[in-house]
């Protein structure tokens, strides 16, 4: 399946009726009135834009403008990740043992780190810009902000993402208790 089409379908599924109406309005100079009236879903709109070559895998400027105009930072972030080559899931490149260990580590970190989570994420090398985007996409959920930041690190590092690096970053941030908890959890036998 084409990853770009999957991305557009995902966008379509996440659009409210109001947002779809706003997107249709923005397309008035690109799509004829009759065609616009026939648009009932985001998929309909994206299909027309694809057919008219207004958007494509390599041509997303207009799509970016549309998403920005409806103030959907979460969708904008997904689009930017796609453009950076992030449409292949980094987790699939990890071996099973590392996947399991990262899952455990992420759970322990999310359960045990509070308001100082940004210090850890910065230590892992994630930029303030990406952190800000994650904050905007998840404004009231501290655990989700942290989890999305950890996933961003995982995607960025790809095969190089190791639990040992997480533990080192935790220790560098003086979060030794959390690092110890991860090590203890990893020593427990698998279920």
C-alpha atoms as a PDB file:
ATOM      1  CA  UNK A   1       0.000   0.000   0.000  1.00  0.00           C
ATOM      2  CA  UNK A   2       1.247   3.498  -0.844  1.00  0.00           C
ATOM      3  CA  UNK A   3       2.344   5.207   2.404  1.00  0.00           C
ATOM      4  CA  UNK A   4       1.266   8.644   1.104  1.00  0.00           C
ATOM      5  CA  UNK A   5      -2.269   7.400   0.408  1.00  0.00           C
ATOM      6  CA  UNK A   6      -2.356   5.819   3.876  1.00  0.00           C
ATOM      7  CA  UNK A   7      -1.335   9.157   5.360  1.00  0.00           C
ATOM      8  CA  UNK A   8      -4.075  11.002   3.460  1.00  0.00           C
ATOM      9  CA  UNK A   9      -6.636   8.407   4.535  1.00  0.00           C
ATOM     10  CA  UNK A  10      -5.546   8.846   8.140  1.00  0.00           C
ATOM     11  CA  UNK A  11      -5.982  12.620   7.781  1.00  0.00           C
ATOM     12  CA  UNK A  12      -9.432  12.098   6.304  1.00  0.00           C
ATOM     13  CA  UNK A  13     -10.517   9.902   9.205  1.00  0.00           C
ATOM     14  CA  UNK A  14      -9.399  12.581  11.690  1.00  0.00           C
ATOM     15  CA  UNK A  15     -11.175  15.556  10.100  1.00  0.00           C
ATOM     16  CA  UNK A  16     -14.323  16.978  11.646  1.00  0.00           C
ATOM     17  CA  UNK A  17     -17.146  18.228   9.410  1.00  0.00           C
ATOM     18  CA  UNK A  18     -16.168  21.818  10.230  1.00  0.00           C
ATOM     19  CA  UNK A  19     -12.546  21.174   9.282  1.00  0.00           C
ATOM     20  CA  UNK A  20     -13.598  19.496   6.024  1.00  0.00           C
ATOM     21  CA  UNK A  21     -15.762  22.533   5.202  1.00  0.00           C
ATOM     22  CA  UNK A  22     -12.814  24.833   5.876  1.00  0.00           C
ATOM     23  CA  UNK A  23     -10.572  22.744   3.606  1.00  0.00           C
ATOM     24  CA  UNK A  24     -13.184  22.792   0.840  1.00  0.00           C
ATOM     25  CA  UNK A  25     -13.364  26.578   1.134  1.00  0.00           C
ATOM     26  CA  UNK A  26      -9.577  26.832   0.770  1.00  0.00           C
ATOM     27  CA  UNK A  27      -9.742  24.755  -2.416  1.00  0.00           C
ATOM     28  CA  UNK A  28     -12.266  27.007  -4.180  1.00  0.00           C
ATOM     29  CA  UNK A  29      -9.625  28.458  -6.498  1.00  0.00           C
ATOM     30  CA  UNK A  30      -8.261  24.987  -7.349  1.00  0.00           C
ATOM     31  CA  UNK A  31     -11.424  22.876  -7.681  1.00  0.00           C
ATOM     32  CA  UNK A  32     -14.623  23.729  -9.543  1.00  0.00           C
ATOM     33  CA  UNK A  33     -17.837  24.414  -7.639  1.00  0.00           C
ATOM     34  CA  UNK A  34     -19.627  21.243  -8.812  1.00  0.00           C
ATOM     35  CA  UNK A  35     -16.746  19.002  -7.836  1.00  0.00           C
ATOM     36  CA  UNK A  36     -16.492  20.696  -4.445  1.00  0.00           C
ATOM     37  CA  UNK A  37     -20.209  20.181  -3.834  1.00  0.00           C
ATOM     38  CA  UNK A  38     -19.736  16.435  -4.430  1.00  0.00           C
ATOM     39  CA  UNK A  39     -17.032  16.229  -1.738  1.00  0.00           C
ATOM     40  CA  UNK A  40     -18.420  14.492   1.352  1.00  0.00           C
ATOM     41  CA  UNK A  41     -15.224  13.208   2.990  1.00  0.00           C
ATOM     42  CA  UNK A  42     -11.568  14.101   3.241  1.00  0.00           C
ATOM     43  CA  UNK A  43     -10.816  11.165   0.956  1.00  0.00           C
ATOM     44  CA  UNK A  44     -13.047  12.713  -1.740  1.00  0.00           C
ATOM     45  CA  UNK A  45     -11.195  16.015  -1.452  1.00  0.00           C
ATOM     46  CA  UNK A  46      -7.733  14.437  -1.462  1.00  0.00           C
ATOM     47  CA  UNK A  47      -8.635  12.273  -4.477  1.00  0.00           C
ATOM     48  CA  UNK A  48      -9.571  15.362  -6.497  1.00  0.00           C
ATOM     49  CA  UNK A  49      -6.417  17.183  -5.400  1.00  0.00           C
ATOM     50  CA  UNK A  50      -4.321  14.149  -6.371  1.00  0.00           C
ATOM     51  CA  UNK A  51      -6.057  13.843  -9.754  1.00  0.00           C
ATOM     52  CA  UNK A  52      -5.474  17.533 -10.459  1.00  0.00           C
ATOM     53  CA  UNK A  53      -1.867  17.194  -9.312  1.00  0.00           C
ATOM     54  CA  UNK A  54      -2.277  19.843  -6.635  1.00  0.00           C
ATOM     55  CA  UNK A  55      -0.789  17.430  -4.102  1.00  0.00           C
ATOM     56  CA  UNK A  56       1.523  14.457  -4.507  1.00  0.00           C
ATOM     57  CA  UNK A  57       4.092  12.564  -2.478  1.00  0.00           C
ATOM     58  CA  UNK A  58       6.769  15.069  -3.551  1.00  0.00           C
ATOM     59  CA  UNK A  59       4.415  18.077  -3.676  1.00  0.00           C
ATOM     60  CA  UNK A  60       2.898  18.772  -0.267  1.00  0.00           C
ATOM     61  CA  UNK A  61       3.135  22.569   0.006  1.00  0.00           C
ATOM     62  CA  UNK A  62      -0.583  23.142  -0.585  1.00  0.00           C
ATOM     63  CA  UNK A  63      -1.456  20.298   1.799  1.00  0.00           C
ATOM     64  CA  UNK A  64       0.729  21.935   4.464  1.00  0.00           C
ATOM     65  CA  UNK A  65      -0.990  25.291   3.979  1.00  0.00           C
ATOM     66  CA  UNK A  66      -4.414  23.653   4.283  1.00  0.00           C
ATOM     67  CA  UNK A  67      -3.506  21.793   7.473  1.00  0.00           C
ATOM     68  CA  UNK A  68      -1.939  24.904   9.021  1.00  0.00           C
ATOM     69  CA  UNK A  69      -5.048  26.934   8.237  1.00  0.00           C
ATOM     70  CA  UNK A  70      -7.287  24.573  10.236  1.00  0.00           C
ATOM     71  CA  UNK A  71      -4.743  24.613  13.073  1.00  0.00           C
ATOM     72  CA  UNK A  72      -4.199  20.848  13.197  1.00  0.00           C
ATOM     73  CA  UNK A  73      -0.646  20.689  14.529  1.00  0.00           C
ATOM     74  CA  UNK A  74      -0.950  16.931  15.048  1.00  0.00           C
ATOM     75  CA  UNK A  75      -1.620  16.334  11.339  1.00  0.00           C
ATOM     76  CA  UNK A  76       1.091  18.804  10.374  1.00  0.00           C
ATOM     77  CA  UNK A  77       3.548  16.896  12.529  1.00  0.00           C
ATOM     78  CA  UNK A  78       2.578  13.605  10.843  1.00  0.00           C
ATOM     79  CA  UNK A  79       3.073  15.196   7.422  1.00  0.00           C
ATOM     80  CA  UNK A  80       6.487  16.559   8.375  1.00  0.00           C
ATOM     81  CA  UNK A  81       7.540  13.154   9.717  1.00  0.00           C
ATOM     82  CA  UNK A  82       6.420  11.605   6.440  1.00  0.00           C
ATOM     83  CA  UNK A  83       8.421  14.154   4.435  1.00  0.00           C
ATOM     84  CA  UNK A  84      11.525  13.495   6.561  1.00  0.00           C
ATOM     85  CA  UNK A  85      11.299   9.860   5.559  1.00  0.00           C
ATOM     86  CA  UNK A  86       9.623   8.778   8.768  1.00  0.00           C
ATOM     87  CA  UNK A  87       6.831   6.900   7.006  1.00  0.00           C
ATOM     88  CA  UNK A  88       8.635   3.615   7.644  1.00  0.00           C
ATOM     89  CA  UNK A  89       8.003   2.644  11.247  1.00  0.00           C
ATOM     90  CA  UNK A  90      11.351   2.647  13.078  1.00  0.00           C
ATOM     91  CA  UNK A  91      10.077   0.109  15.591  1.00  0.00           C
ATOM     92  CA  UNK A  92       9.873  -2.515  12.835  1.00  0.00           C
ATOM     93  CA  UNK A  93      13.643  -2.219  12.325  1.00  0.00           C
ATOM     94  CA  UNK A  94      14.399  -3.294  15.897  1.00  0.00           C
ATOM     95  CA  UNK A  95      14.895  -6.887  16.926  1.00  0.00           C
ATOM     96  CA  UNK A  96      12.262  -8.470  19.171  1.00  0.00           C
ATOM     97  CA  UNK A  97      14.364  -8.259  22.339  1.00  0.00           C
ATOM     98  CA  UNK A  98      15.064  -4.537  21.868  1.00  0.00           C
ATOM     99  CA  UNK A  99      11.372  -3.868  21.052  1.00  0.00           C
ATOM    100  CA  UNK A 100      10.361  -5.588  24.271  1.00  0.00           C
ATOM    101  CA  UNK A 101      12.981  -3.737  26.319  1.00  0.00           C
ATOM    102  CA  UNK A 102      12.001  -0.359  24.872  1.00  0.00           C
ATOM    103  CA  UNK A 103       8.330  -1.042  25.554  1.00  0.00           C
ATOM    104  CA  UNK A 104       9.145  -1.785  29.197  1.00  0.00           C
ATOM    105  CA  UNK A 105      11.464   1.230  29.473  1.00  0.00           C
ATOM    106  CA  UNK A 106       8.894   3.594  27.948  1.00  0.00           C
ATOM    107  CA  UNK A 107       6.202   2.359  30.364  1.00  0.00           C
ATOM    108  CA  UNK A 108       8.473   2.791  33.396  1.00  0.00           C
ATOM    109  CA  UNK A 109       9.580   6.248  32.259  1.00  0.00           C
ATOM    110  CA  UNK A 110       6.004   7.406  31.616  1.00  0.00           C
ATOM    111  CA  UNK A 111       4.843   6.088  34.990  1.00  0.00           C
ATOM    112  CA  UNK A 112       7.692   7.617  36.979  1.00  0.00           C
ATOM    113  CA  UNK A 113       8.770  10.904  35.424  1.00  0.00           C
ATOM    114  CA  UNK A 114       6.727  14.009  36.017  1.00  0.00           C
ATOM    115  CA  UNK A 115       7.187  17.622  35.069  1.00  0.00           C
ATOM    116  CA  UNK A 116      10.949  17.277  34.433  1.00  0.00           C
ATOM    117  CA  UNK A 117      10.417  15.049  31.400  1.00  0.00           C
ATOM    118  CA  UNK A 118      11.656  17.707  28.947  1.00  0.00           C
ATOM    119  CA  UNK A 119      15.134  17.578  30.486  1.00  0.00           C
ATOM    120  CA  UNK A 120      15.339  13.855  29.631  1.00  0.00           C
ATOM    121  CA  UNK A 121      14.022  14.339  26.100  1.00  0.00           C
ATOM    122  CA  UNK A 122      16.511  17.140  25.433  1.00  0.00           C
ATOM    123  CA  UNK A 123      19.306  14.905  26.757  1.00  0.00           C
ATOM    124  CA  UNK A 124      18.199  12.291  24.196  1.00  0.00           C
ATOM    125  CA  UNK A 125      18.701  14.900  21.450  1.00  0.00           C
ATOM    126  CA  UNK A 126      15.145  15.885  20.554  1.00  0.00           C
ATOM    127  CA  UNK A 127      14.908  19.561  19.579  1.00  0.00           C
ATOM    128  CA  UNK A 128      12.790  22.125  21.404  1.00  0.00           C
ATOM    129  CA  UNK A 129      10.828  22.638  18.179  1.00  0.00           C
ATOM    130  CA  UNK A 130       9.763  18.983  18.120  1.00  0.00           C
ATOM    131  CA  UNK A 131       8.981  19.105  21.831  1.00  0.00           C
ATOM    132  CA  UNK A 132       6.792  22.177  21.243  1.00  0.00           C
ATOM    133  CA  UNK A 133       4.908  20.395  18.449  1.00  0.00           C
ATOM    134  CA  UNK A 134       4.273  17.437  20.729  1.00  0.00           C
ATOM    135  CA  UNK A 135       3.035  19.804  23.461  1.00  0.00           C
ATOM    136  CA  UNK A 136       0.625  21.473  21.027  1.00  0.00           C
ATOM    137  CA  UNK A 137      -0.678  18.131  19.756  1.00  0.00           C
ATOM    138  CA  UNK A 138      -1.245  16.818  23.320  1.00  0.00           C
ATOM    139  CA  UNK A 139      -1.846  19.945  25.429  1.00  0.00           C
ATOM    140  CA  UNK A 140      -3.326  18.424  28.586  1.00  0.00           C
ATOM    141  CA  UNK A 141      -1.807  14.968  28.812  1.00  0.00           C
ATOM    142  CA  UNK A 142       1.657  14.829  30.395  1.00  0.00           C
ATOM    143  CA  UNK A 143       2.037  11.063  29.935  1.00  0.00           C
ATOM    144  CA  UNK A 144       1.112  11.273  26.249  1.00  0.00           C
ATOM    145  CA  UNK A 145       3.557  14.162  25.725  1.00  0.00           C
ATOM    146  CA  UNK A 146       6.319  12.052  27.217  1.00  0.00           C
ATOM    147  CA  UNK A 147       5.341   8.907  25.277  1.00  0.00           C
ATOM    148  CA  UNK A 148       5.192  10.789  21.963  1.00  0.00           C
ATOM    149  CA  UNK A 149       8.590  12.350  22.716  1.00  0.00           C
ATOM    150  CA  UNK A 150      10.075   8.914  23.393  1.00  0.00           C
ATOM    151  CA  UNK A 151       8.577   7.615  20.141  1.00  0.00           C
ATOM    152  CA  UNK A 152      10.056  10.616  18.324  1.00  0.00           C
ATOM    153  CA  UNK A 153      13.469   9.667  19.732  1.00  0.00           C
ATOM    154  CA  UNK A 154      12.877   6.042  18.678  1.00  0.00           C
ATOM    155  CA  UNK A 155      12.021   7.092  15.126  1.00  0.00           C
ATOM    156  CA  UNK A 156      14.946   9.491  14.934  1.00  0.00           C
ATOM    157  CA  UNK A 157      17.468   6.877  16.117  1.00  0.00           C
ATOM    158  CA  UNK A 158      15.973   3.945  14.194  1.00  0.00           C
ATOM    159  CA  UNK A 159      18.102   0.802  14.690  1.00  0.00           C
ATOM    160  CA  UNK A 160      20.445   2.798  16.903  1.00  0.00           C
ATOM    161  CA  UNK A 161      17.718   3.331  19.550  1.00  0.00           C
ATOM    162  CA  UNK A 162      18.894   1.366  22.586  1.00  0.00           C
ATOM    163  CA  UNK A 163      17.558   1.064  26.126  1.00  0.00           C
ATOM    164  CA  UNK A 164      21.128   1.547  27.357  1.00  0.00           C
ATOM    165  CA  UNK A 165      21.021   5.070  25.877  1.00  0.00           C
ATOM    166  CA  UNK A 166      17.766   5.780  27.730  1.00  0.00           C
ATOM    167  CA  UNK A 167      19.288   4.589  31.007  1.00  0.00           C
ATOM    168  CA  UNK A 168      22.416   6.683  30.445  1.00  0.00           C
ATOM    169  CA  UNK A 169      20.304   9.782  29.692  1.00  0.00           C
ATOM    170  CA  UNK A 170      18.241   9.157  32.842  1.00  0.00           C
ATOM    171  CA  UNK A 171      21.385   8.907  34.941  1.00  0.00           C
ATOM    172  CA  UNK A 172      22.831  12.054  33.324  1.00  0.00           C
ATOM    173  CA  UNK A 173      19.628  13.850  34.358  1.00  0.00           C
ATOM    174  CA  UNK A 174      19.986  12.535  37.949  1.00  0.00           C
ATOM    175  CA  UNK A 175      16.902  10.340  37.498  1.00  0.00           C
ATOM    176  CA  UNK A 176      18.684   7.320  38.935  1.00  0.00           C
ATOM    177  CA  UNK A 177      15.614   5.833  40.594  1.00  0.00           C
ATOM    178  CA  UNK A 178      13.820   5.561  37.245  1.00  0.00           C
ATOM    179  CA  UNK A 179      16.945   4.088  35.613  1.00  0.00           C
ATOM    180  CA  UNK A 180      17.142   1.528  38.428  1.00  0.00           C
ATOM    181  CA  UNK A 181      13.458   0.641  37.976  1.00  0.00           C
ATOM    182  CA  UNK A 182      14.003   0.023  34.257  1.00  0.00           C
ATOM    183  CA  UNK A 183      16.981  -2.231  34.970  1.00  0.00           C
ATOM    184  CA  UNK A 184      14.967  -4.129  37.614  1.00  0.00           C
ATOM    185  CA  UNK A 185      12.019  -4.571  35.223  1.00  0.00           C
ATOM    186  CA  UNK A 186      14.305  -5.848  32.466  1.00  0.00           C
ATOM    187  CA  UNK A 187      15.776  -8.433  34.816  1.00  0.00           C
ATOM    188  CA  UNK A 188      12.297  -9.847  35.496  1.00  0.00           C
ATOM    189  CA  UNK A 189      11.519 -12.948  33.405  1.00  0.00           C
ATOM    190  CA  UNK A 190       9.179 -12.446  30.435  1.00  0.00           C
ATOM    191  CA  UNK A 191       5.562 -13.521  30.815  1.00  0.00           C
END
